[in-house]
Protein backbone atom coordinates (compact mmCIF):
# COMPACT_ATOMS: atom_id res chain seq x y z
CA MET A 1 -3.84 -27.52 35.35
CA PRO A 2 -1.15 -28.76 32.89
CA PRO A 3 2.49 -27.75 33.49
CA SER A 4 3.74 -24.63 31.77
CA PRO A 5 6.23 -25.06 28.92
CA PRO A 6 9.68 -23.51 29.42
CA PRO A 7 9.80 -19.87 28.26
CA ILE A 8 11.22 -19.05 24.84
CA GLN A 9 14.71 -17.72 25.55
CA ALA A 10 14.89 -15.60 22.37
CA THR A 11 12.24 -13.34 23.92
CA LYS A 12 15.01 -11.58 25.86
CA GLN A 13 16.73 -10.57 22.63
CA MET A 14 13.46 -9.47 21.09
CA LYS A 15 12.80 -7.16 24.05
CA LYS A 16 16.25 -5.60 23.55
CA LEU A 17 15.50 -5.05 19.85
CA MET A 18 12.17 -3.42 20.58
CA ALA A 19 13.72 -1.17 23.21
CA GLY A 20 16.38 -0.09 20.73
CA HIS A 21 13.72 0.56 18.09
CA PHE A 22 11.62 2.85 20.28
CA LEU A 23 14.52 4.61 21.99
CA GLY A 24 16.10 5.28 18.59
CA LEU A 25 12.85 6.79 17.33
CA ASP A 26 12.56 8.94 20.43
CA GLN A 27 16.09 10.28 19.92
CA ALA A 28 15.48 10.94 16.22
CA SER A 29 12.27 12.79 17.05
CA ARG A 30 13.99 14.99 19.63
CA GLU A 31 17.10 15.70 17.54
CA GLY A 32 15.39 16.03 14.16
CA ARG A 33 17.74 13.59 12.39
CA PRO A 34 17.20 11.15 10.88
CA LYS A 35 13.72 12.21 9.86
CA VAL A 36 10.81 10.10 11.14
CA ALA A 37 8.21 8.59 8.84
CA TRP A 38 5.02 7.06 10.19
CA CYS A 39 3.94 4.04 8.15
CA THR A 40 1.04 1.62 8.22
CA SER A 41 2.13 -1.86 9.24
CA VAL A 42 1.65 -3.36 5.78
CA GLY A 43 2.78 -0.28 3.90
CA PRO A 44 5.80 0.73 1.82
CA ALA A 45 8.29 0.55 4.69
CA GLU A 46 11.05 -0.61 2.34
CA LEU A 47 10.88 2.64 0.37
CA LEU A 48 11.03 4.69 3.57
CA HIS A 49 14.06 2.82 4.92
CA ALA A 50 15.77 3.21 1.55
CA MET A 51 15.20 6.98 1.77
CA GLY A 52 16.93 7.13 5.16
CA PHE A 53 13.91 7.54 7.44
CA ASP A 54 13.46 6.02 10.86
CA VAL A 55 10.09 4.29 10.58
CA TYR A 56 7.38 4.26 13.24
CA TYR A 57 4.23 2.10 13.06
CA PRO A 58 1.16 3.53 14.85
CA GLU A 59 -0.67 0.18 14.54
CA ASN A 60 2.04 -1.35 16.70
CA HIS A 61 1.36 1.42 19.22
CA GLY A 62 -2.36 0.66 18.96
CA ALA A 63 -1.67 -2.99 19.76
CA LEU A 64 0.47 -1.94 22.75
CA LEU A 65 -2.41 0.18 24.02
CA GLY A 66 -4.64 -2.88 23.71
CA ALA A 67 -2.20 -5.33 25.28
CA THR A 68 -1.60 -3.01 28.26
CA ARG A 69 -5.40 -2.52 28.55
CA LEU A 70 -5.09 1.27 28.30
CA ALA A 71 -7.10 1.36 25.08
CA THR A 72 -10.56 1.13 26.63
CA GLU A 73 -9.80 4.24 28.73
CA MET A 74 -8.42 6.20 25.77
CA ILE A 75 -11.13 5.45 23.18
CA PRO A 76 -13.73 7.83 24.75
CA MET A 77 -11.29 10.73 24.31
CA ALA A 78 -11.31 10.19 20.54
CA ASN A 79 -15.09 9.66 20.58
CA ALA A 80 -15.48 13.06 22.27
CA ALA A 81 -13.33 14.59 19.50
CA GLY A 82 -15.75 13.29 16.88
CA TYR A 83 -14.40 9.83 16.02
CA SER A 84 -17.13 7.20 16.05
CA PRO A 85 -16.96 4.28 18.50
CA ASP A 86 -17.76 2.04 15.52
CA ILE A 87 -14.50 2.73 13.63
CA CYS A 88 -11.10 1.07 14.13
CA SER A 89 -10.24 0.94 17.83
CA TYR A 90 -6.53 1.13 16.98
CA LEU A 91 -7.36 4.55 15.56
CA THR A 92 -9.55 5.71 18.44
CA ALA A 93 -7.24 4.32 21.12
CA ASP A 94 -4.17 5.92 19.53
CA ILE A 95 -5.75 9.33 18.91
CA GLY A 96 -7.38 9.24 22.34
CA ALA A 97 -4.03 8.50 23.98
CA PHE A 98 -2.40 11.32 22.00
CA LEU A 99 -5.09 13.77 23.08
CA LYS A 100 -4.64 12.69 26.70
CA GLY A 101 -0.83 12.74 26.49
CA VAL A 102 -0.48 9.07 27.44
CA THR A 103 1.57 6.22 25.95
CA PRO A 104 2.55 2.74 27.18
CA LEU A 105 6.07 3.60 25.94
CA THR A 106 6.52 5.66 29.13
CA GLN A 107 6.27 2.72 31.49
CA ALA A 108 8.14 0.37 29.13
CA TYR A 109 11.04 2.62 28.07
CA GLY A 110 10.74 5.95 29.88
CA ILE A 111 9.64 7.67 26.65
CA GLU A 112 7.34 10.64 27.27
CA ALA A 113 5.50 10.72 23.94
CA VAL A 114 5.23 8.99 20.58
CA PRO A 115 7.79 10.31 18.04
CA LYS A 116 6.64 13.32 16.05
CA ALA A 117 6.31 12.49 12.38
CA ASP A 118 7.98 14.41 9.56
CA VAL A 119 5.87 12.61 6.96
CA LEU A 120 2.96 10.16 7.13
CA VAL A 121 2.65 7.28 4.65
CA PHE A 122 -0.35 4.92 4.53
CA ASN A 123 -1.51 1.98 2.48
CA THR A 124 -5.23 1.23 2.36
CA ASN A 125 -4.64 -2.48 1.77
CA GLN A 126 -5.78 -2.88 5.39
CA CYS A 127 -8.73 -0.47 5.37
CA ARG A 128 -9.66 3.15 4.69
CA ASP A 129 -9.45 3.95 8.41
CA VAL A 130 -5.65 4.20 8.22
CA GLU A 131 -5.96 7.19 5.89
CA ASP A 132 -8.32 9.01 8.26
CA TRP A 133 -6.10 8.07 11.20
CA PHE A 134 -2.98 9.54 9.60
CA ALA A 135 -4.94 12.56 8.37
CA PHE A 136 -5.55 13.54 12.01
CA TYR A 137 -1.80 13.86 12.59
CA ALA A 138 -1.19 15.53 9.21
CA ARG A 139 -3.60 18.29 10.21
CA HIS A 140 -2.25 18.50 13.76
CA TRP A 141 1.40 18.84 12.72
CA ASN A 142 0.82 20.38 9.27
CA ILE A 143 3.04 17.79 7.57
CA PRO A 144 2.77 15.83 4.29
CA LEU A 145 0.35 12.90 4.05
CA LEU A 146 1.18 10.37 1.33
CA GLY A 147 -0.64 7.18 0.49
CA VAL A 148 -1.22 4.15 -1.64
CA ARG A 149 -4.82 3.27 -2.40
CA THR A 150 -4.92 -0.46 -3.03
CA HIS A 151 -7.41 -2.56 -4.96
CA ARG A 152 -9.76 -4.63 -2.78
CA GLY A 153 -11.65 -7.85 -3.35
CA VAL A 154 -8.69 -9.08 -5.39
CA GLY A 155 -8.79 -12.56 -6.91
CA GLU A 156 -5.95 -12.83 -9.38
CA VAL A 157 -3.30 -10.13 -8.89
CA LYS A 158 -3.37 -8.66 -12.40
CA PRO A 159 -0.55 -6.75 -14.10
CA HIS A 160 -2.49 -3.49 -14.23
CA TYR A 161 -3.05 -3.66 -10.46
CA ILE A 162 0.71 -3.92 -9.97
CA ALA A 163 1.39 -1.08 -12.42
CA ASP A 164 -1.08 1.14 -10.56
CA VAL A 165 0.53 0.55 -7.17
CA VAL A 166 4.05 0.98 -8.60
CA SER A 167 3.07 4.37 -10.01
CA GLN A 168 1.74 5.39 -6.60
CA PHE A 169 5.00 4.32 -4.92
CA LYS A 170 7.03 6.35 -7.41
CA ASP A 171 4.78 9.40 -7.01
CA MET A 172 5.89 9.57 -3.37
CA ILE A 173 9.58 9.90 -4.12
CA PRO A 174 9.84 13.67 -4.76
CA THR A 175 8.16 14.51 -1.45
CA LEU A 176 10.18 11.87 0.42
CA GLU A 177 13.39 13.32 -1.07
CA LYS A 178 12.39 16.81 0.04
CA VAL A 179 11.48 15.77 3.59
CA SER A 180 14.45 13.43 4.14
CA GLY A 181 17.05 15.53 2.34
CA ASN A 182 18.25 12.35 0.61
CA LYS A 183 18.16 11.42 -3.07
CA PHE A 184 16.43 8.18 -4.02
CA ASP A 185 18.91 5.33 -4.68
CA ILE A 186 17.57 2.22 -6.45
CA ASP A 187 20.48 0.11 -5.20
CA ARG A 188 19.68 1.04 -1.62
CA LEU A 189 16.05 0.04 -2.21
CA ARG A 190 17.17 -3.30 -3.63
CA GLU A 191 19.20 -3.98 -0.51
CA VAL A 192 16.31 -3.13 1.82
CA VAL A 193 13.93 -5.35 -0.18
CA ARG A 194 16.51 -8.15 0.03
CA LEU A 195 16.61 -7.84 3.80
CA SER A 196 12.80 -7.76 3.99
CA LYS A 197 12.72 -10.89 1.85
CA GLU A 198 15.16 -12.65 4.19
CA CYS A 199 13.11 -11.57 7.22
CA THR A 200 9.81 -12.73 5.79
CA ARG A 201 11.30 -16.05 4.64
CA ARG A 202 12.42 -16.79 8.17
CA TRP A 203 9.12 -15.64 9.67
CA ARG A 204 7.32 -18.13 7.40
CA GLN A 205 9.64 -20.87 8.70
CA VAL A 206 8.79 -19.90 12.29
CA LEU A 207 5.06 -20.13 11.58
CA GLU A 208 5.36 -23.37 9.63
CA LEU A 209 7.15 -25.09 12.52
CA ALA A 210 3.77 -25.04 14.27
CA ALA A 211 2.74 -27.85 11.91
CA GLN A 212 4.87 -30.14 14.10
CA ARG A 213 3.15 -32.30 16.70
CA PRO A 214 3.23 -31.11 19.38
CA THR A 215 3.57 -27.54 18.23
CA PRO A 216 6.60 -25.78 19.77
CA MET A 217 4.90 -22.39 19.54
CA SER A 218 1.27 -21.22 19.50
CA PHE A 219 -0.64 -18.34 17.95
CA PHE A 220 -0.36 -16.48 21.25
CA ASP A 221 3.43 -16.75 21.06
CA HIS A 222 3.31 -15.69 17.40
CA THR A 223 1.53 -12.43 18.29
CA ILE A 224 4.54 -11.52 20.44
CA HIS A 225 7.36 -12.74 18.22
CA MET A 226 5.93 -11.18 15.05
CA ALA A 227 7.06 -7.76 16.33
CA PRO A 228 10.44 -7.71 14.50
CA ALA A 229 8.73 -8.75 11.24
CA VAL A 230 6.38 -5.79 11.65
CA VAL A 231 8.66 -2.98 12.83
CA LEU A 232 12.17 -4.10 11.82
CA ARG A 233 11.75 -5.75 8.42
CA GLY A 234 14.24 -4.29 5.98
CA LYS A 235 16.93 -4.37 8.69
CA GLN A 236 19.61 -6.96 9.37
CA GLU A 237 18.68 -7.22 13.05
CA ALA A 238 15.29 -8.71 12.14
CA VAL A 239 16.98 -11.41 10.04
CA ASP A 240 19.43 -12.18 12.85
CA TYR A 241 16.62 -12.38 15.40
CA TYR A 242 14.65 -14.96 13.43
CA ASP A 243 17.81 -17.04 12.93
CA LEU A 244 18.11 -17.10 16.73
CA LEU A 245 14.43 -17.94 17.25
CA LEU A 246 14.42 -20.65 14.59
CA ALA A 247 17.40 -22.41 16.14
CA GLU A 248 15.64 -22.48 19.49
CA LEU A 249 12.34 -23.69 18.04
CA GLU A 250 14.04 -26.45 16.09
CA GLN A 251 15.67 -27.59 19.33
CA ARG A 252 12.26 -27.59 21.02
CA VAL A 253 10.89 -29.74 18.20
CA ALA A 254 13.80 -32.19 18.54
CA GLU A 255 13.17 -32.45 22.28
CA GLY A 256 9.39 -32.67 21.96
CA VAL A 257 8.77 -29.47 23.95
CA ALA A 258 5.09 -28.55 23.58
CA ALA A 259 3.68 -25.04 23.64
CA VAL A 260 0.52 -26.68 25.00
CA PRO A 261 1.51 -29.61 27.24
CA GLY A 262 -0.73 -32.60 26.57
CA GLU A 263 -1.83 -31.12 23.24
CA ARG A 264 -5.05 -32.88 22.12
CA HIS A 265 -6.68 -30.46 19.68
CA ARG A 266 -5.31 -28.19 16.96
CA LEU A 267 -7.12 -24.95 16.15
CA TYR A 268 -6.90 -22.06 13.68
CA TRP A 269 -7.50 -18.43 14.73
CA GLU A 270 -9.16 -16.32 12.06
CA GLY A 271 -9.29 -12.56 12.55
CA MET A 272 -7.65 -10.02 14.83
CA PRO A 273 -6.27 -10.85 18.28
CA VAL A 274 -8.13 -9.63 21.36
CA TRP A 275 -5.05 -7.81 22.58
CA GLY A 276 -6.19 -7.18 26.14
CA ARG A 277 -7.22 -10.81 26.67
CA LEU A 278 -4.41 -12.81 25.06
CA ARG A 279 -3.32 -14.32 28.37
CA MET A 280 -6.85 -15.29 29.38
CA LEU A 281 -7.61 -16.88 26.02
CA SER A 282 -4.26 -18.67 25.92
CA GLU A 283 -4.71 -20.10 29.42
CA SER A 284 -8.32 -21.13 28.76
CA LEU A 285 -7.35 -23.06 25.63
CA THR A 286 -4.17 -24.50 27.14
CA ASN A 287 -6.10 -25.86 30.13
CA LEU A 288 -8.36 -27.65 27.66
CA GLY A 289 -5.43 -29.15 25.74
CA ALA A 290 -6.22 -27.03 22.66
CA ALA A 291 -3.35 -25.48 20.71
CA VAL A 292 -3.98 -22.62 18.30
CA VAL A 293 -1.31 -23.53 15.76
CA ALA A 294 -2.04 -21.17 12.84
CA SER A 295 -3.72 -17.88 11.96
CA THR A 296 -4.21 -15.58 9.02
CA TYR A 297 -3.34 -12.55 11.15
CA CYS A 298 0.26 -13.51 11.95
CA ASN A 299 0.70 -14.68 8.35
CA SER A 300 0.10 -11.09 7.20
CA TRP A 301 3.86 -10.49 7.38
CA ILE A 302 4.78 -13.28 4.96
CA PHE A 303 5.76 -11.52 1.72
CA ASP A 304 6.97 -14.23 -0.62
CA ALA A 305 6.84 -11.89 -3.62
CA PHE A 306 9.69 -9.60 -2.52
CA ASP A 307 12.45 -9.62 -5.13
CA PRO A 308 15.43 -7.22 -5.00
CA ALA A 309 15.87 -7.59 -8.78
CA SER A 310 12.55 -5.77 -9.31
CA PRO A 311 11.94 -3.89 -6.07
CA PHE A 312 8.98 -1.71 -7.03
CA GLU A 313 7.05 -4.40 -8.85
CA SER A 314 7.70 -7.02 -6.17
CA MET A 315 6.71 -4.63 -3.38
CA ALA A 316 3.47 -3.87 -5.22
CA ARG A 317 2.73 -7.57 -5.70
CA ALA A 318 3.56 -8.40 -2.09
CA TYR A 319 1.21 -5.77 -0.74
CA LEU A 320 -1.52 -6.72 -3.23
CA GLU A 321 -1.30 -10.39 -2.24
CA LEU A 322 -2.16 -9.56 1.36
CA PHE A 323 -4.96 -11.81 2.66
CA ILE A 324 -7.15 -8.93 3.82
CA VAL A 325 -7.53 -7.45 0.31
CA ARG A 326 -8.41 -10.74 -1.42
CA ASP A 327 -11.83 -12.04 -2.44
CA ASP A 328 -13.66 -14.74 -0.48
CA ASP A 329 -12.79 -17.52 -2.93
CA TYR A 330 -9.09 -16.87 -2.37
CA LYS A 331 -9.53 -16.56 1.40
CA GLU A 332 -11.34 -19.88 1.63
CA ARG A 333 -8.68 -21.64 -0.44
CA TYR A 334 -5.97 -20.11 1.73
CA ILE A 335 -7.56 -21.14 5.04
CA SER A 336 -8.35 -24.61 3.66
CA ASP A 337 -4.72 -25.11 2.64
CA TRP A 338 -3.35 -24.14 6.06
CA ALA A 339 -6.04 -26.16 7.83
CA GLU A 340 -5.13 -29.30 5.92
CA ARG A 341 -1.36 -28.86 6.30
CA PHE A 342 -1.57 -28.12 10.03
CA GLY A 343 -4.10 -30.80 10.96
CA ILE A 344 -6.72 -28.29 12.07
CA GLU A 345 -9.78 -29.67 13.86
CA GLY A 346 -11.60 -26.39 14.42
CA ILE A 347 -11.52 -22.71 13.47
CA ILE A 348 -12.18 -19.86 15.90
CA PHE A 349 -13.47 -16.77 14.09
CA HIS A 350 -13.10 -13.49 15.96
CA ASP A 351 -15.82 -11.01 15.01
CA ALA A 352 -14.05 -7.76 15.94
CA LYS A 353 -16.70 -5.06 16.29
CA THR A 354 -14.55 -2.19 15.03
CA CYS A 355 -12.62 -4.16 12.39
CA PRO A 356 -15.05 -5.39 9.71
CA ASN A 357 -12.24 -5.63 7.15
CA ASN A 358 -10.50 -8.32 9.19
CA SER A 359 -13.62 -10.16 10.40
CA ASN A 360 -14.41 -12.91 7.93
CA ASN A 361 -17.33 -14.56 9.71
CA ARG A 362 -20.08 -12.16 8.61
CA TYR A 363 -20.96 -13.56 5.20
CA ALA A 364 -21.30 -17.29 5.96
CA MET A 365 -17.64 -18.22 5.50
CA PRO A 366 -17.61 -20.33 8.70
CA GLN A 367 -20.52 -22.39 7.40
CA ARG A 368 -18.92 -22.87 3.99
CA LEU A 369 -15.59 -23.94 5.48
CA ALA A 370 -17.24 -26.25 8.01
CA LYS A 371 -19.07 -28.01 5.18
CA LYS A 372 -16.03 -28.12 2.90
CA LEU A 373 -13.48 -29.27 5.48
CA GLY A 374 -15.74 -31.25 7.81
CA ILE A 375 -14.48 -29.34 10.86
CA ALA A 376 -16.09 -27.33 13.63
CA THR A 377 -16.17 -23.53 13.76
CA LEU A 378 -16.81 -21.07 16.56
CA THR A 379 -17.40 -17.31 16.40
CA ILE A 380 -16.30 -15.18 19.35
CA ASN A 381 -17.65 -11.64 19.56
CA GLY A 382 -15.22 -9.02 20.74
CA ASP A 383 -12.78 -6.41 19.49
CA LEU A 384 -9.08 -5.91 18.97
CA ASN A 385 -8.84 -3.11 21.57
CA ASP A 386 -12.23 -2.11 22.99
CA LEU A 387 -12.81 -4.54 25.86
CA ARG A 388 -16.32 -3.18 26.39
CA CYS A 389 -17.20 -5.36 23.37
CA PHE A 390 -15.79 -8.54 24.93
CA SER A 391 -17.18 -10.80 27.65
CA ASP A 392 -14.66 -12.98 29.47
CA GLU A 393 -17.30 -15.36 30.80
CA GLN A 394 -19.10 -15.71 27.49
CA ALA A 395 -15.84 -16.39 25.66
CA LYS A 396 -14.75 -19.00 28.22
CA THR A 397 -18.13 -20.74 28.12
CA ASN A 398 -18.18 -20.81 24.33
CA ILE A 399 -14.61 -22.12 24.12
CA GLU A 400 -15.31 -24.86 26.67
CA ALA A 401 -18.40 -25.98 24.74
CA PHE A 402 -16.45 -25.85 21.48
CA VAL A 403 -13.63 -28.04 22.79
CA GLU A 404 -16.20 -30.43 24.29
CA GLN A 405 -17.69 -30.70 20.79
CA LEU A 406 -14.22 -31.58 19.46
CA GLU A 407 -13.79 -34.18 22.22
CA GLU A 408 -17.10 -35.81 21.32
CA LYS A 409 -16.21 -35.88 17.64
CA ALA A 410 -12.80 -37.43 18.39
CA ALA A 411 -14.45 -40.08 20.56
């Protein structure tokens, strides 16, 4: 077994930030001020921060349920309430946990329950499931449900797409003013967009450092350190955190510290993480000298389009440029570009049973990319949260055979 790389020291600061985030939300929920808005992870968080809300992301909670392996126990509760086992397991795990009165925030931070929302705001750029997910809580608490319905299968991001999304953003403002008790301030929005831009710029730099050989940080590290980009973008503390992380990673590059000691192969992860098996997958690949250096999933929080000079239009463009809403031609160009820049030898596609929108292996994309790029591909069957859909032994066997194939090709 290869030696373990030294731990990333910035992780300690990230844990403090996340604790402050959740404890602040818990206090706001109990005291009723500031008001709490629930938001999808790639939704109009900038507008909500500008309106003075504390912002909570249920998808982050869904990932925590998966990572702590509580999700598989909670999903049947939602199934019994009428939610299909075939739909998003973030949704079913989160609703199931709510119905059972359970949250991983209790063990982590001593928080008894997720923060009660005052308003729910979704963006369907991920999938339609987020609307149905938030609708459950809107009915339960009898509170406003607001949303942006985004174009899908997007090739070129056309001006009328942007105009449509901008109008939907602006339609939210009267209700957000009423719920928050604050008047909309365009200058405040510009400042939040500026901070989101600074956060996303640094997050891109973090991810792009993985192009170094050996990579100082792997996909499995990225899934942890993306947390501030998800839940704290639009805030100065996210910018400061990535400055800290970047400095440490640049030092690791200078010293040749490898995320995967003895790195021999460089892989790309396409699709959702298997949250409850990140450690197993990381160790299996590390033991084989295979580093997962890039992914489309962690790149989902790169928003190059943000521009404080035109906050509404740039927010609309940023959320329309999201990989998940694009057509297959764009997706293949995108993956090809990252594969070439990062020296990718193979792509692992995760076919997540309950997440068809973020599983890109089902319509022959692996075959097309293998032919175009001359690299190997592997599809792993599983799920983001429901571990009943995932086989440890099958995944290990397939990964071992895949890396052996790469070894033979290299020889």
